[in-house]
Protein backbone atom coordinates (compact mmCIF):
# COMPACT_ATOMS: atom_id res chain seq x y z
CA ALA A 1 -37.20 -64.19 242.48
CA ASP A 2 -35.40 -62.71 239.95
CA GLY A 3 -36.43 -59.74 239.77
CA GLU A 4 -37.74 -59.33 236.60
CA GLY A 5 -41.29 -59.19 237.46
CA PRO A 6 -43.59 -57.52 237.39
CA VAL A 7 -43.32 -55.25 234.14
CA ARG A 8 -42.68 -51.82 234.70
CA THR A 9 -41.71 -48.60 233.21
CA ALA A 10 -38.04 -46.92 234.05
CA HIS A 11 -36.68 -43.55 232.34
CA VAL A 12 -32.76 -42.92 232.76
CA ALA A 13 -30.72 -39.87 231.94
CA PRO A 14 -28.06 -39.59 228.89
CA PHE A 15 -25.19 -41.60 228.89
CA ALA A 16 -22.88 -43.57 227.09
CA ILE A 17 -22.08 -46.98 227.00
CA ALA A 18 -19.14 -49.00 225.33
CA THR A 19 -20.03 -51.32 222.24
CA THR A 20 -18.24 -54.15 223.27
CA THR A 21 -17.59 -55.89 226.54
CA VAL A 22 -14.00 -55.48 227.97
CA THR A 23 -11.44 -57.31 225.90
CA VAL A 24 -8.31 -58.93 227.04
CA ALA A 25 -6.36 -56.73 225.48
CA GLN A 26 -7.82 -53.84 227.05
CA PHE A 27 -7.79 -55.76 230.53
CA ALA A 28 -4.39 -56.51 229.57
CA ALA A 29 -3.62 -53.19 229.26
CA PHE A 30 -5.04 -52.02 232.09
CA VAL A 31 -3.00 -54.78 234.27
CA ALA A 32 0.16 -53.09 232.67
CA ASP A 33 -0.41 -49.98 233.66
CA THR A 34 -1.74 -50.58 237.40
CA GLY A 35 0.02 -54.17 238.79
CA HIS A 36 -3.58 -55.13 239.40
CA ARG A 37 -3.94 -57.72 240.77
CA THR A 38 -7.76 -59.63 240.04
CA ASP A 39 -9.38 -61.22 243.17
CA ALA A 40 -9.12 -64.99 241.15
CA GLU A 41 -5.41 -64.28 241.12
CA ALA A 42 -5.34 -63.31 245.17
CA HIS A 43 -7.88 -66.60 245.38
CA GLY A 44 -5.40 -68.91 243.83
CA THR A 45 -8.52 -70.81 242.46
CA SER A 46 -11.28 -69.88 240.05
CA LEU A 47 -14.47 -71.69 238.49
CA VAL A 48 -13.92 -73.29 234.78
CA PHE A 49 -16.67 -75.27 232.98
CA ALA A 50 -15.89 -78.77 232.78
CA GLY A 51 -16.47 -79.03 229.05
CA LEU A 52 -13.23 -77.00 228.24
CA LEU A 53 -11.17 -79.10 230.71
CA PRO A 54 -8.63 -82.00 229.89
CA ALA A 55 -9.73 -85.15 231.32
CA GLU A 56 -6.80 -84.91 233.95
CA VAL A 57 -7.30 -81.63 235.01
CA ARG A 58 -11.21 -82.19 235.43
CA ALA A 59 -10.31 -85.50 237.24
CA VAL A 60 -8.14 -83.51 240.21
CA SER A 61 -9.90 -80.06 240.54
CA ARG A 62 -13.43 -80.04 242.70
CA THR A 63 -16.98 -79.50 241.53
CA VAL A 64 -19.87 -77.37 242.49
CA LEU A 65 -22.45 -80.12 244.45
CA ALA A 66 -25.56 -78.58 242.78
CA THR A 67 -23.56 -77.69 238.99
CA PRO A 68 -20.61 -80.21 238.77
CA TRP A 69 -20.66 -78.46 235.51
CA TRP A 70 -18.17 -75.54 237.05
CA CYS A 71 -14.90 -77.00 238.51
CA GLU A 72 -12.81 -75.06 241.06
CA VAL A 73 -9.07 -74.78 238.88
CA ALA A 74 -6.09 -73.90 240.72
CA GLY A 75 -4.56 -70.83 239.10
CA ALA A 76 -7.42 -69.89 236.39
CA THR A 77 -7.26 -66.38 235.89
CA TRP A 78 -7.79 -64.03 233.08
CA PHE A 79 -4.58 -64.83 231.51
CA GLN A 80 -4.73 -68.43 231.78
CA PRO A 81 -8.70 -69.34 231.38
CA GLU A 82 -8.46 -73.12 231.95
CA GLY A 83 -5.53 -72.77 234.00
CA PRO A 84 -1.81 -73.43 233.79
CA GLY A 85 -0.62 -74.45 230.68
CA SER A 86 -3.83 -72.86 228.84
CA SER A 87 -3.10 -68.72 227.50
CA ALA A 88 -5.47 -66.05 226.56
CA GLU A 89 -2.52 -64.36 224.55
CA GLU A 90 -4.23 -65.27 221.34
CA ARG A 91 -7.67 -64.47 222.22
CA GLY A 92 -6.94 -60.64 222.98
CA ASP A 93 -10.09 -59.82 221.40
CA HIS A 94 -12.69 -62.13 223.41
CA PRO A 95 -14.20 -60.49 226.55
CA ILE A 96 -11.76 -60.89 229.65
CA THR A 97 -13.36 -63.73 232.32
CA HIS A 98 -12.57 -64.65 235.92
CA VAL A 99 -12.74 -61.12 236.63
CA SER A 100 -15.15 -59.90 239.77
CA GLN A 101 -17.08 -56.54 240.11
CA ARG A 102 -14.35 -55.11 241.95
CA ASP A 103 -11.84 -56.08 239.55
CA ALA A 104 -14.55 -54.23 236.46
CA LEU A 105 -14.76 -51.22 238.89
CA ALA A 106 -11.17 -50.82 239.35
CA TYR A 107 -10.45 -51.64 235.43
CA ALA A 108 -13.72 -48.64 234.98
CA GLU A 109 -12.15 -45.86 237.50
CA TRP A 110 -8.71 -46.66 235.31
CA VAL A 111 -10.35 -45.63 231.82
CA GLY A 112 -12.41 -42.75 233.35
CA ALA A 113 -15.49 -44.17 233.26
CA ARG A 114 -18.04 -46.11 235.64
CA LEU A 115 -19.93 -49.73 235.11
CA PRO A 116 -23.82 -49.14 234.18
CA THR A 117 -26.52 -49.33 236.11
CA GLU A 118 -28.83 -52.53 235.79
CA THR A 119 -31.38 -49.95 234.47
CA GLU A 120 -28.89 -48.60 231.98
CA TRP A 121 -27.08 -51.86 230.80
CA GLU A 122 -31.08 -53.03 230.43
CA TYR A 123 -31.79 -50.24 228.48
CA ALA A 124 -29.47 -50.00 226.05
CA ALA A 125 -28.82 -54.11 225.85
CA ARG A 126 -32.34 -54.12 224.03
CA GLY A 127 -31.48 -51.96 221.42
CA GLY A 128 -34.49 -49.10 221.25
CA LEU A 129 -37.18 -52.12 221.47
CA ASP A 130 -40.04 -52.68 223.50
CA GLN A 131 -40.87 -55.99 225.56
CA GLN A 132 -38.62 -58.02 223.11
CA PRO A 133 -37.19 -60.76 224.66
CA TYR A 134 -33.89 -60.66 222.42
CA PRO A 135 -32.34 -57.24 221.71
CA TRP A 136 -33.22 -58.43 217.50
CA GLY A 137 -36.81 -59.03 218.11
CA ALA A 138 -39.05 -62.00 219.42
CA GLN A 139 -37.16 -64.69 217.54
CA ARG A 140 -33.86 -66.38 218.98
CA GLU A 141 -32.69 -67.30 215.74
CA PRO A 142 -34.48 -65.53 213.15
CA ALA A 143 -34.30 -67.86 209.58
CA GLY A 144 -32.49 -70.38 211.50
CA ARG A 145 -29.60 -68.04 211.62
CA PRO A 146 -27.92 -67.68 215.27
CA ARG A 147 -27.35 -64.19 216.81
CA MET A 148 -25.67 -64.81 219.74
CA ASN A 149 -23.05 -67.67 221.08
CA THR A 150 -24.49 -69.96 223.69
CA PHE A 151 -23.87 -73.69 223.97
CA PRO A 152 -24.86 -75.84 220.80
CA GLY A 153 -26.69 -79.14 221.71
CA GLU A 154 -27.92 -80.44 224.51
CA PHE A 155 -25.84 -79.05 227.75
CA PRO A 156 -23.44 -79.68 229.19
CA ASP A 157 -22.18 -83.29 227.79
CA GLY A 158 -23.45 -82.90 224.31
CA PRO A 159 -22.06 -79.86 222.13
CA THR A 160 -22.85 -80.01 218.66
CA GLY A 161 -20.26 -77.53 218.18
CA PRO A 162 -17.20 -74.92 219.24
CA VAL A 163 -17.80 -74.19 223.33
CA GLY A 164 -16.15 -71.09 224.51
CA THR A 165 -16.19 -67.47 224.21
CA VAL A 166 -15.89 -65.71 220.64
CA PRO A 167 -14.48 -62.23 220.00
CA ALA A 168 -16.17 -59.04 221.70
CA ASP A 169 -17.58 -57.68 218.39
CA ALA A 170 -18.40 -61.30 216.81
CA TYR A 171 -22.15 -61.22 215.75
CA GLU A 172 -24.88 -58.42 214.30
CA PRO A 173 -25.00 -55.08 216.95
CA ASN A 174 -28.66 -54.28 217.88
CA GLY A 175 -30.30 -50.75 216.88
CA TYR A 176 -27.80 -49.07 219.26
CA GLY A 177 -24.53 -50.19 217.94
CA LEU A 178 -24.02 -52.65 221.24
CA HIS A 179 -22.26 -56.01 220.46
CA ASN A 180 -23.41 -59.27 222.33
CA THR A 181 -25.67 -58.15 224.91
CA THR A 182 -26.90 -61.51 225.02
CA GLY A 183 -24.77 -64.24 225.25
CA ASN A 184 -20.93 -65.27 225.33
CA VAL A 185 -20.28 -63.72 228.63
CA TRP A 186 -22.04 -62.33 231.88
CA GLU A 187 -21.60 -58.63 232.34
CA TRP A 188 -21.15 -56.88 235.44
CA THR A 189 -23.38 -54.05 236.58
CA ALA A 190 -23.46 -51.53 239.45
CA GLY A 191 -26.42 -52.68 240.63
CA THR A 192 -27.77 -54.96 243.79
CA PHE A 193 -30.61 -57.58 244.05
CA GLY A 194 -32.03 -54.81 246.82
CA ASP A 195 -31.56 -53.48 250.13
CA GLU A 196 -31.69 -57.25 251.68
CA ASP A 197 -29.67 -58.54 249.09
CA PRO A 198 -26.61 -56.91 248.27
CA ARG A 199 -25.23 -59.01 245.73
CA PRO A 200 -24.49 -57.42 242.81
CA VAL A 201 -25.81 -58.33 239.28
CA LEU A 202 -24.68 -59.88 236.07
CA ARG A 203 -26.63 -59.57 233.16
CA GLY A 204 -26.95 -60.80 229.46
CA GLY A 205 -26.30 -64.82 230.24
CA SER A 206 -23.07 -66.62 228.64
CA PHE A 207 -21.86 -69.19 226.13
CA MET A 208 -22.97 -71.80 228.22
CA CYS A 209 -26.73 -70.57 228.04
CA HIS A 210 -28.87 -72.66 226.10
CA ALA A 211 -31.87 -73.67 224.68
CA SER A 212 -32.92 -76.70 226.64
CA TYR A 213 -33.90 -75.40 229.78
CA CYS A 214 -31.59 -71.63 229.96
CA ARG A 215 -33.74 -68.70 229.98
CA ARG A 216 -30.70 -66.38 230.81
CA TYR A 217 -29.35 -64.99 227.36
CA ARG A 218 -33.01 -62.41 227.55
CA THR A 219 -32.44 -59.09 227.79
CA SER A 220 -34.34 -59.12 230.87
CA ALA A 221 -32.70 -61.71 232.80
């Protein structure tokens, strides 16, 4: 159902790709130059992980029935990631959040680039490795050392450490010099699930992925 199988060989033409996701500072420069208004701003609300919200905001925010850890927060945007009262000002080196694929495409056009295809993204994320679940190899935490930003502890109510995004260049890069191709934030690609399902494809997992049952932080996910 996720399109991960069967295993198949794919070929890509030479291409270039940024070593990190787009940061808050980079997106802010784009907005300042173009006046771009994101879909989240136009819609008036966006989804925020409940664990990042004050109790009073959680109490008045609708949740997603099947995934109650997502709260619909009025005013949540790229510059107010947890809604009014929050600010991305001190997170200039963190990845941008609350952007749609349309917003990502607009940014890419502004810098004279494009979104990678799903195949290109996976090729880059693997860092030159073959049939390995992570950009660095087979073990999730080699020698017990975290290599990506995922949820610490029991999800969603039992974190054992900080929760949220980290700088886009945090952790060691993969063999191609790319940072955080798994964990931290989901990344947009230009791909879709197919002709019968035109939804755009996200790759890489996020800081909400966790060891208990989420396997979305693998390069094939």
